[in-house]
Full PDB file with SEQRES, HELIX, SHEET, SSBOND, CRYST1, ORIGX, SCALE, CONECT and MASTER records, all heavy atoms in Angstrom:
SEQRES   1 A   33  LEU THR GLY LEU ALA ALA ARG GLY ALA ILE LYS PRO LEU          
SEQRES   2 A   33  VAL SER GLU ARG VAL PRO LEU ALA GLY ALA ALA ASP ALA          
SEQRES   3 A   33  VAL GLN ARG VAL ALA ASP GLY                                  
HELIX    1 AA1 THR A    2  ALA A    6  1                                   5    
HELIX    2 AA2 LEU A   20  GLY A   22  5                                   3    
HELIX    3 AA3 ALA A   23  ALA A   31  1                                   9    
CRYST1    1.000    1.000    1.000  90.00  90.00  90.00 P 1           1          
ORIGX1      1.000000  0.000000  0.000000        0.00000                         
ORIGX2      0.000000  1.000000  0.000000        0.00000                         
ORIGX3      0.000000  0.000000  1.000000        0.00000                         
SCALE1      1.000000  0.000000  0.000000        0.00000                         
SCALE2      0.000000  1.000000  0.000000        0.00000                         
SCALE3      0.000000  0.000000  1.000000        0.00000                         
ATOM      1  N   LEU A   1     -57.460  48.105  23.800  1.00  0.00           N  
ATOM      2  CA  LEU A   1     -56.373  47.347  24.485  1.00  0.00           C  
ATOM      3  C   LEU A   1     -55.483  48.285  25.263  1.00  0.00           C  
ATOM      4  O   LEU A   1     -55.067  47.947  26.384  1.00  0.00           O  
ATOM      5  CB  LEU A   1     -55.546  46.598  23.415  1.00  0.00           C  
ATOM      6  CG  LEU A   1     -56.261  45.482  22.650  1.00  0.00           C  
ATOM      7  CD1 LEU A   1     -55.346  44.917  21.590  1.00  0.00           C  
ATOM      8  CD2 LEU A   1     -56.767  44.394  23.571  1.00  0.00           C  
ATOM      9  N   THR A   2     -55.214  49.458  24.734  1.00  0.00           N  
ATOM     10  CA  THR A   2     -54.390  50.434  25.450  1.00  0.00           C  
ATOM     11  C   THR A   2     -55.047  50.835  26.753  1.00  0.00           C  
ATOM     12  O   THR A   2     -54.403  50.958  27.808  1.00  0.00           O  
ATOM     13  CB  THR A   2     -54.132  51.660  24.577  1.00  0.00           C  
ATOM     14  OG1 THR A   2     -53.422  51.272  23.376  1.00  0.00           O  
ATOM     15  CG2 THR A   2     -53.314  52.703  25.314  1.00  0.00           C  
ATOM     16  N   GLY A   3     -56.363  51.025  26.698  1.00  0.00           N  
ATOM     17  CA  GLY A   3     -57.116  51.391  27.934  1.00  0.00           C  
ATOM     18  C   GLY A   3     -57.085  50.256  28.934  1.00  0.00           C  
ATOM     19  O   GLY A   3     -56.921  50.488  30.164  1.00  0.00           O  
ATOM     20  N   LEU A   4     -57.225  49.018  28.466  1.00  0.00           N  
ATOM     21  CA  LEU A   4     -57.209  47.871  29.389  1.00  0.00           C  
ATOM     22  C   LEU A   4     -55.802  47.711  30.038  1.00  0.00           C  
ATOM     23  O   LEU A   4     -55.682  47.415  31.206  1.00  0.00           O  
ATOM     24  CB  LEU A   4     -57.550  46.611  28.628  1.00  0.00           C  
ATOM     25  CG  LEU A   4     -59.030  46.422  28.221  1.00  0.00           C  
ATOM     26  CD1 LEU A   4     -59.200  45.237  27.259  1.00  0.00           C  
ATOM     27  CD2 LEU A   4     -59.912  46.254  29.435  1.00  0.00           C  
ATOM     28  N   ALA A   5     -54.762  47.971  29.218  1.00  0.00           N  
ATOM     29  CA  ALA A   5     -53.409  47.902  29.772  1.00  0.00           C  
ATOM     30  C   ALA A   5     -53.144  48.995  30.764  1.00  0.00           C  
ATOM     31  O   ALA A   5     -52.478  48.766  31.777  1.00  0.00           O  
ATOM     32  CB  ALA A   5     -52.386  47.960  28.606  1.00  0.00           C  
ATOM     33  N   ALA A   6     -53.683  50.188  30.529  1.00  0.00           N  
ATOM     34  CA  ALA A   6     -53.448  51.325  31.398  1.00  0.00           C  
ATOM     35  C   ALA A   6     -54.030  51.067  32.764  1.00  0.00           C  
ATOM     36  O   ALA A   6     -53.461  51.522  33.796  1.00  0.00           O  
ATOM     37  CB  ALA A   6     -54.051  52.586  30.799  1.00  0.00           C  
ATOM     38  N   ARG A   7     -55.171  50.380  32.828  1.00  0.00           N  
ATOM     39  CA  ARG A   7     -55.731  50.120  34.143  1.00  0.00           C  
ATOM     40  C   ARG A   7     -55.367  48.734  34.707  1.00  0.00           C  
ATOM     41  O   ARG A   7     -55.913  48.309  35.719  1.00  0.00           O  
ATOM     42  CB  ARG A   7     -57.253  50.266  34.105  1.00  0.00           C  
ATOM     43  CG  ARG A   7     -58.037  49.287  33.259  1.00  0.00           C  
ATOM     44  CD  ARG A   7     -59.527  49.539  33.534  1.00  0.00           C  
ATOM     45  NE  ARG A   7     -60.396  48.544  32.939  1.00  0.00           N  
ATOM     46  CZ  ARG A   7     -61.019  48.693  31.773  1.00  0.00           C  
ATOM     47  NH1 ARG A   7     -60.886  49.789  31.073  1.00  0.00           N  
ATOM     48  NH2 ARG A   7     -61.793  47.681  31.336  1.00  0.00           N  
ATOM     49  N   GLY A   8     -54.444  48.050  34.071  1.00  0.00           N  
ATOM     50  CA  GLY A   8     -53.904  46.807  34.583  1.00  0.00           C  
ATOM     51  C   GLY A   8     -54.764  45.619  34.372  1.00  0.00           C  
ATOM     52  O   GLY A   8     -54.523  44.540  34.940  1.00  0.00           O  
ATOM     53  N   ALA A   9     -55.788  45.732  33.515  1.00  0.00           N  
ATOM     54  CA  ALA A   9     -56.688  44.612  33.264  1.00  0.00           C  
ATOM     55  C   ALA A   9     -56.044  43.537  32.364  1.00  0.00           C  
ATOM     56  O   ALA A   9     -56.382  42.351  32.440  1.00  0.00           O  
ATOM     57  CB  ALA A   9     -57.989  45.055  32.606  1.00  0.00           C  
ATOM     58  N   ILE A  10     -55.100  43.945  31.526  1.00  0.00           N  
ATOM     59  CA  ILE A  10     -54.348  43.016  30.715  1.00  0.00           C  
ATOM     60  C   ILE A  10     -52.862  43.415  30.783  1.00  0.00           C  
ATOM     61  O   ILE A  10     -52.502  44.580  30.927  1.00  0.00           O  
ATOM     62  CB  ILE A  10     -54.774  43.011  29.218  1.00  0.00           C  
ATOM     63  CG1 ILE A  10     -54.602  44.384  28.588  1.00  0.00           C  
ATOM     64  CG2 ILE A  10     -56.208  42.508  29.100  1.00  0.00           C  
ATOM     65  CD1 ILE A  10     -54.867  44.404  27.057  1.00  0.00           C  
ATOM     66  N   LYS A  11     -52.023  42.417  30.682  1.00  0.00           N  
ATOM     67  CA  LYS A  11     -50.558  42.607  30.658  1.00  0.00           C  
ATOM     68  C   LYS A  11     -49.928  41.413  30.022  1.00  0.00           C  
ATOM     69  O   LYS A  11     -49.974  40.338  30.603  1.00  0.00           O  
ATOM     70  CB  LYS A  11     -50.013  42.773  32.099  1.00  0.00           C  
ATOM     71  CG  LYS A  11     -48.515  43.175  32.174  1.00  0.00           C  
ATOM     72  CD  LYS A  11     -48.101  43.308  33.628  1.00  0.00           C  
ATOM     73  CE  LYS A  11     -46.594  43.688  33.756  1.00  0.00           C  
ATOM     74  NZ  LYS A  11     -46.309  45.025  33.213  1.00  0.00           N  
ATOM     75  N   PRO A  12     -49.413  41.555  28.815  1.00  0.00           N  
ATOM     76  CA  PRO A  12     -48.833  40.407  28.113  1.00  0.00           C  
ATOM     77  C   PRO A  12     -47.834  39.626  28.973  1.00  0.00           C  
ATOM     78  O   PRO A  12     -46.949  40.238  29.614  1.00  0.00           O  
ATOM     79  CB  PRO A  12     -48.147  41.026  26.916  1.00  0.00           C  
ATOM     80  CG  PRO A  12     -48.943  42.270  26.633  1.00  0.00           C  
ATOM     81  CD  PRO A  12     -49.319  42.776  28.003  1.00  0.00           C  
ATOM     82  N   LEU A  13     -47.968  38.324  28.965  1.00  0.00           N  
ATOM     83  CA  LEU A  13     -47.060  37.438  29.712  1.00  0.00           C  
ATOM     84  C   LEU A  13     -45.853  37.201  28.845  1.00  0.00           C  
ATOM     85  O   LEU A  13     -45.903  36.455  27.883  1.00  0.00           O  
ATOM     86  CB  LEU A  13     -47.759  36.115  30.065  1.00  0.00           C  
ATOM     87  CG  LEU A  13     -46.854  35.023  30.633  1.00  0.00           C  
ATOM     88  CD1 LEU A  13     -46.253  35.462  31.955  1.00  0.00           C  
ATOM     89  CD2 LEU A  13     -47.676  33.718  30.797  1.00  0.00           C  
ATOM     90  N   VAL A  14     -44.760  37.867  29.189  1.00  0.00           N  
ATOM     91  CA  VAL A  14     -43.483  37.653  28.487  1.00  0.00           C  
ATOM     92  C   VAL A  14     -42.645  36.735  29.379  1.00  0.00           C  
ATOM     93  O   VAL A  14     -42.095  37.158  30.363  1.00  0.00           O  
ATOM     94  CB  VAL A  14     -42.743  38.977  28.209  1.00  0.00           C  
ATOM     95  CG1 VAL A  14     -41.461  38.706  27.469  1.00  0.00           C  
ATOM     96  CG2 VAL A  14     -43.651  39.896  27.389  1.00  0.00           C  
ATOM     97  N   SER A  15     -42.581  35.492  28.998  1.00  0.00           N  
ATOM     98  CA  SER A  15     -41.890  34.485  29.813  1.00  0.00           C  
ATOM     99  C   SER A  15     -40.363  34.536  29.666  1.00  0.00           C  
ATOM    100  O   SER A  15     -39.644  34.167  30.553  1.00  0.00           O  
ATOM    101  CB  SER A  15     -42.409  33.090  29.506  1.00  0.00           C  
ATOM    102  OG  SER A  15     -42.183  32.749  28.157  1.00  0.00           O  
ATOM    103  N   GLU A  16     -39.925  34.957  28.462  1.00  0.00           N  
ATOM    104  CA  GLU A  16     -38.436  35.000  28.174  1.00  0.00           C  
ATOM    105  C   GLU A  16     -38.150  36.205  27.361  1.00  0.00           C  
ATOM    106  O   GLU A  16     -38.920  36.657  26.522  1.00  0.00           O  
ATOM    107  CB  GLU A  16     -37.999  33.754  27.400  1.00  0.00           C  
ATOM    108  CG  GLU A  16     -38.137  32.441  28.132  1.00  0.00           C  
ATOM    109  CD  GLU A  16     -37.640  31.303  27.294  1.00  0.00           C  
ATOM    110  OE1 GLU A  16     -36.441  31.324  26.912  1.00  0.00           O  
ATOM    111  OE2 GLU A  16     -38.453  30.389  27.026  1.00  0.00           O  
ATOM    112  N   ARG A  17     -36.940  36.768  27.590  1.00  0.00           N  
ATOM    113  CA  ARG A  17     -36.409  37.854  26.805  1.00  0.00           C  
ATOM    114  C   ARG A  17     -35.012  37.430  26.382  1.00  0.00           C  
ATOM    115  O   ARG A  17     -34.135  37.283  27.232  1.00  0.00           O  
ATOM    116  CB  ARG A  17     -36.385  39.165  27.615  1.00  0.00           C  
ATOM    117  CG  ARG A  17     -37.756  39.608  28.067  1.00  0.00           C  
ATOM    118  CD  ARG A  17     -37.658  40.602  29.251  1.00  0.00           C  
ATOM    119  NE  ARG A  17     -38.992  40.814  29.810  1.00  0.00           N  
ATOM    120  CZ  ARG A  17     -39.697  41.964  29.668  1.00  0.00           C  
ATOM    121  NH1 ARG A  17     -39.187  42.931  28.986  1.00  0.00           N  
ATOM    122  NH2 ARG A  17     -40.893  42.072  30.202  1.00  0.00           N  
ATOM    123  N   VAL A  18     -34.813  37.200  25.107  1.00  0.00           N  
ATOM    124  CA  VAL A  18     -33.537  36.653  24.635  1.00  0.00           C  
ATOM    125  C   VAL A  18     -32.840  37.694  23.724  1.00  0.00           C  
ATOM    126  O   VAL A  18     -33.507  38.482  23.089  1.00  0.00           O  
ATOM    127  CB  VAL A  18     -33.759  35.342  23.865  1.00  0.00           C  
ATOM    128  CG1 VAL A  18     -34.423  34.311  24.742  1.00  0.00           C  
ATOM    129  CG2 VAL A  18     -34.530  35.557  22.572  1.00  0.00           C  
ATOM    130  N   PRO A  19     -31.513  37.662  23.689  1.00  0.00           N  
ATOM    131  CA  PRO A  19     -30.785  38.563  22.770  1.00  0.00           C  
ATOM    132  C   PRO A  19     -30.995  38.124  21.345  1.00  0.00           C  
ATOM    133  O   PRO A  19     -31.495  37.013  21.076  1.00  0.00           O  
ATOM    134  CB  PRO A  19     -29.327  38.382  23.219  1.00  0.00           C  
ATOM    135  CG  PRO A  19     -29.282  37.001  23.811  1.00  0.00           C  
ATOM    136  CD  PRO A  19     -30.582  36.826  24.477  1.00  0.00           C  
ATOM    137  N   LEU A  20     -30.645  38.986  20.415  1.00  0.00           N  
ATOM    138  CA  LEU A  20     -30.807  38.674  19.009  1.00  0.00           C  
ATOM    139  C   LEU A  20     -30.159  37.373  18.609  1.00  0.00           C  
ATOM    140  O   LEU A  20     -30.706  36.572  17.834  1.00  0.00           O  
ATOM    141  CB  LEU A  20     -30.243  39.793  18.146  1.00  0.00           C  
ATOM    142  CG  LEU A  20     -30.470  39.722  16.642  1.00  0.00           C  
ATOM    143  CD1 LEU A  20     -31.945  39.696  16.307  1.00  0.00           C  
ATOM    144  CD2 LEU A  20     -29.792  40.858  15.918  1.00  0.00           C  
ATOM    145  N   ALA A  21     -28.994  37.070  19.182  1.00  0.00           N  
ATOM    146  CA  ALA A  21     -28.264  35.842  18.861  1.00  0.00           C  
ATOM    147  C   ALA A  21     -29.059  34.591  19.239  1.00  0.00           C  
ATOM    148  O   ALA A  21     -28.798  33.494  18.684  1.00  0.00           O  
ATOM    149  CB  ALA A  21     -26.899  35.827  19.557  1.00  0.00           C  
ATOM    150  N   GLY A  22     -30.006  34.693  20.161  1.00  0.00           N  
ATOM    151  CA  GLY A  22     -30.767  33.531  20.601  1.00  0.00           C  
ATOM    152  C   GLY A  22     -32.073  33.332  19.895  1.00  0.00           C  
ATOM    153  O   GLY A  22     -32.875  32.461  20.267  1.00  0.00           O  
ATOM    154  N   ALA A  23     -32.335  34.111  18.817  1.00  0.00           N  
ATOM    155  CA  ALA A  23     -33.639  34.084  18.187  1.00  0.00           C  
ATOM    156  C   ALA A  23     -33.995  32.720  17.541  1.00  0.00           C  
ATOM    157  O   ALA A  23     -35.109  32.230  17.693  1.00  0.00           O  
ATOM    158  CB  ALA A  23     -33.747  35.166  17.117  1.00  0.00           C  
ATOM    159  N   ALA A  24     -33.050  32.111  16.814  1.00  0.00           N  
ATOM    160  CA  ALA A  24     -33.391  30.892  16.110  1.00  0.00           C  
ATOM    161  C   ALA A  24     -33.765  29.766  17.089  1.00  0.00           C  
ATOM    162  O   ALA A  24     -34.735  29.041  16.884  1.00  0.00           O  
ATOM    163  CB  ALA A  24     -32.177  30.422  15.289  1.00  0.00           C  
ATOM    164  N   ASP A  25     -32.996  29.655  18.152  1.00  0.00           N  
ATOM    165  CA  ASP A  25     -33.309  28.627  19.163  1.00  0.00           C  
ATOM    166  C   ASP A  25     -34.675  28.905  19.811  1.00  0.00           C  
ATOM    167  O   ASP A  25     -35.463  27.982  20.036  1.00  0.00           O  
ATOM    168  CB  ASP A  25     -32.236  28.627  20.255  1.00  0.00           C  
ATOM    169  CG  ASP A  25     -32.562  27.655  21.381  1.00  0.00           C  
ATOM    170  OD1 ASP A  25     -32.568  26.447  21.154  1.00  0.00           O  
ATOM    171  OD2 ASP A  25     -32.845  28.152  22.508  1.00  0.00           O  
ATOM    172  N   ALA A  26     -34.997  30.203  20.050  1.00  0.00           N  
ATOM    173  CA  ALA A  26     -36.261  30.556  20.663  1.00  0.00           C  
ATOM    174  C   ALA A  26     -37.437  30.292  19.692  1.00  0.00           C  
ATOM    175  O   ALA A  26     -38.474  29.748  20.170  1.00  0.00           O  
ATOM    176  CB  ALA A  26     -36.233  32.011  21.069  1.00  0.00           C  
ATOM    177  N   VAL A  27     -37.277  30.594  18.442  1.00  0.00           N  
ATOM    178  CA  VAL A  27     -38.336  30.294  17.487  1.00  0.00           C  
ATOM    179  C   VAL A  27     -38.598  28.773  17.448  1.00  0.00           C  
ATOM    180  O   VAL A  27     -39.719  28.313  17.345  1.00  0.00           O  
ATOM    181  CB  VAL A  27     -37.997  30.832  16.099  1.00  0.00           C  
ATOM    182  CG1 VAL A  27     -39.040  30.392  15.057  1.00  0.00           C  
ATOM    183  CG2 VAL A  27     -37.884  32.363  16.103  1.00  0.00           C  
ATOM    184  N   GLN A  28     -37.535  27.977  17.447  1.00  0.00           N  
ATOM    185  CA  GLN A  28     -37.682  26.521  17.437  1.00  0.00           C  
ATOM    186  C   GLN A  28     -38.437  26.037  18.663  1.00  0.00           C  
ATOM    187  O   GLN A  28     -39.280  25.166  18.560  1.00  0.00           O  
ATOM    188  CB  GLN A  28     -36.322  25.857  17.335  1.00  0.00           C  
ATOM    189  CG  GLN A  28     -36.399  24.351  17.115  1.00  0.00           C  
ATOM    190  CD  GLN A  28     -37.020  23.999  15.808  1.00  0.00           C  
ATOM    191  OE1 GLN A  28     -36.563  24.398  14.742  1.00  0.00           O  
ATOM    192  NE2 GLN A  28     -38.108  23.248  15.856  1.00  0.00           N  
ATOM    193  N   ARG A  29     -38.132  26.604  19.830  1.00  0.00           N  
ATOM    194  CA  ARG A  29     -38.827  26.174  21.047  1.00  0.00           C  
ATOM    195  C   ARG A  29     -40.311  26.549  21.044  1.00  0.00           C  
ATOM    196  O   ARG A  29     -41.144  25.820  21.504  1.00  0.00           O  
ATOM    197  CB  ARG A  29     -38.134  26.742  22.305  1.00  0.00           C  
ATOM    198  CG  ARG A  29     -36.787  26.047  22.581  1.00  0.00           C  
ATOM    199  CD  ARG A  29     -36.160  26.475  23.895  1.00  0.00           C  
ATOM    200  NE  ARG A  29     -35.610  27.836  23.788  1.00  0.00           N  
ATOM    201  CZ  ARG A  29     -36.101  28.839  24.447  1.00  0.00           C  
ATOM    202  NH1 ARG A  29     -37.141  28.711  25.261  1.00  0.00           N  
ATOM    203  NH2 ARG A  29     -35.519  30.033  24.341  1.00  0.00           N  
ATOM    204  N   VAL A  30     -40.619  27.727  20.444  1.00  0.00           N  
ATOM    205  CA  VAL A  30     -42.002  28.075  20.277  1.00  0.00           C  
ATOM    206  C   VAL A  30     -42.698  27.115  19.355  1.00  0.00           C  
ATOM    207  O   VAL A  30     -43.805  26.659  19.586  1.00  0.00           O  
ATOM    208  CB  VAL A  30     -42.130  29.546  19.760  1.00  0.00           C  
ATOM    209  CG1 VAL A  30     -43.572  29.836  19.350  1.00  0.00           C  
ATOM    210  CG2 VAL A  30     -41.681  30.556  20.837  1.00  0.00           C  
ATOM    211  N   ALA A  31     -42.011  26.780  18.254  1.00  0.00           N  
ATOM    212  CA  ALA A  31     -42.559  25.808  17.302  1.00  0.00           C  
ATOM    213  C   ALA A  31     -42.831  24.431  17.929  1.00  0.00           C  
ATOM    214  O   ALA A  31     -43.807  23.767  17.596  1.00  0.00           O  
ATOM    215  CB  ALA A  31     -41.609  25.665  16.134  1.00  0.00           C  
ATOM    216  N   ASP A  32     -41.972  24.060  18.857  1.00  0.00           N  
ATOM    217  CA  ASP A  32     -42.082  22.754  19.510  1.00  0.00           C  
ATOM    218  C   ASP A  32     -43.040  22.745  20.730  1.00  0.00           C  
ATOM    219  O   ASP A  32     -43.206  21.733  21.385  1.00  0.00           O  
ATOM    220  CB  ASP A  32     -40.715  22.249  19.953  1.00  0.00           C  
ATOM    221  CG  ASP A  32     -39.786  21.979  18.776  1.00  0.00           C  
ATOM    222  OD1 ASP A  32     -40.271  21.741  17.672  1.00  0.00           O  
ATOM    223  OD2 ASP A  32     -38.528  21.991  18.995  1.00  0.00           O  
ATOM    224  N   GLY A  33     -43.643  23.908  21.026  1.00  0.00           N  
ATOM    225  CA  GLY A  33     -44.602  23.986  22.114  1.00  0.00           C  
ATOM    226  C   GLY A  33     -43.972  23.900  23.471  1.00  0.00           C  
ATOM    227  O   GLY A  33     -44.614  23.491  24.440  1.00  0.00           O  
TER     228      GLY A  33                                                      
MASTER        0    0    0    3    0    0    0    6  227    1    0    3          
END                                                                             
């Protein structure tokens, strides 16, 4: 996986970055699809 990432073949899609205070709401939204 590290090799694939190094050559740009894979790159995790991070759609949101939330602060620690927003974790509960974010977990609920993941749970709800």
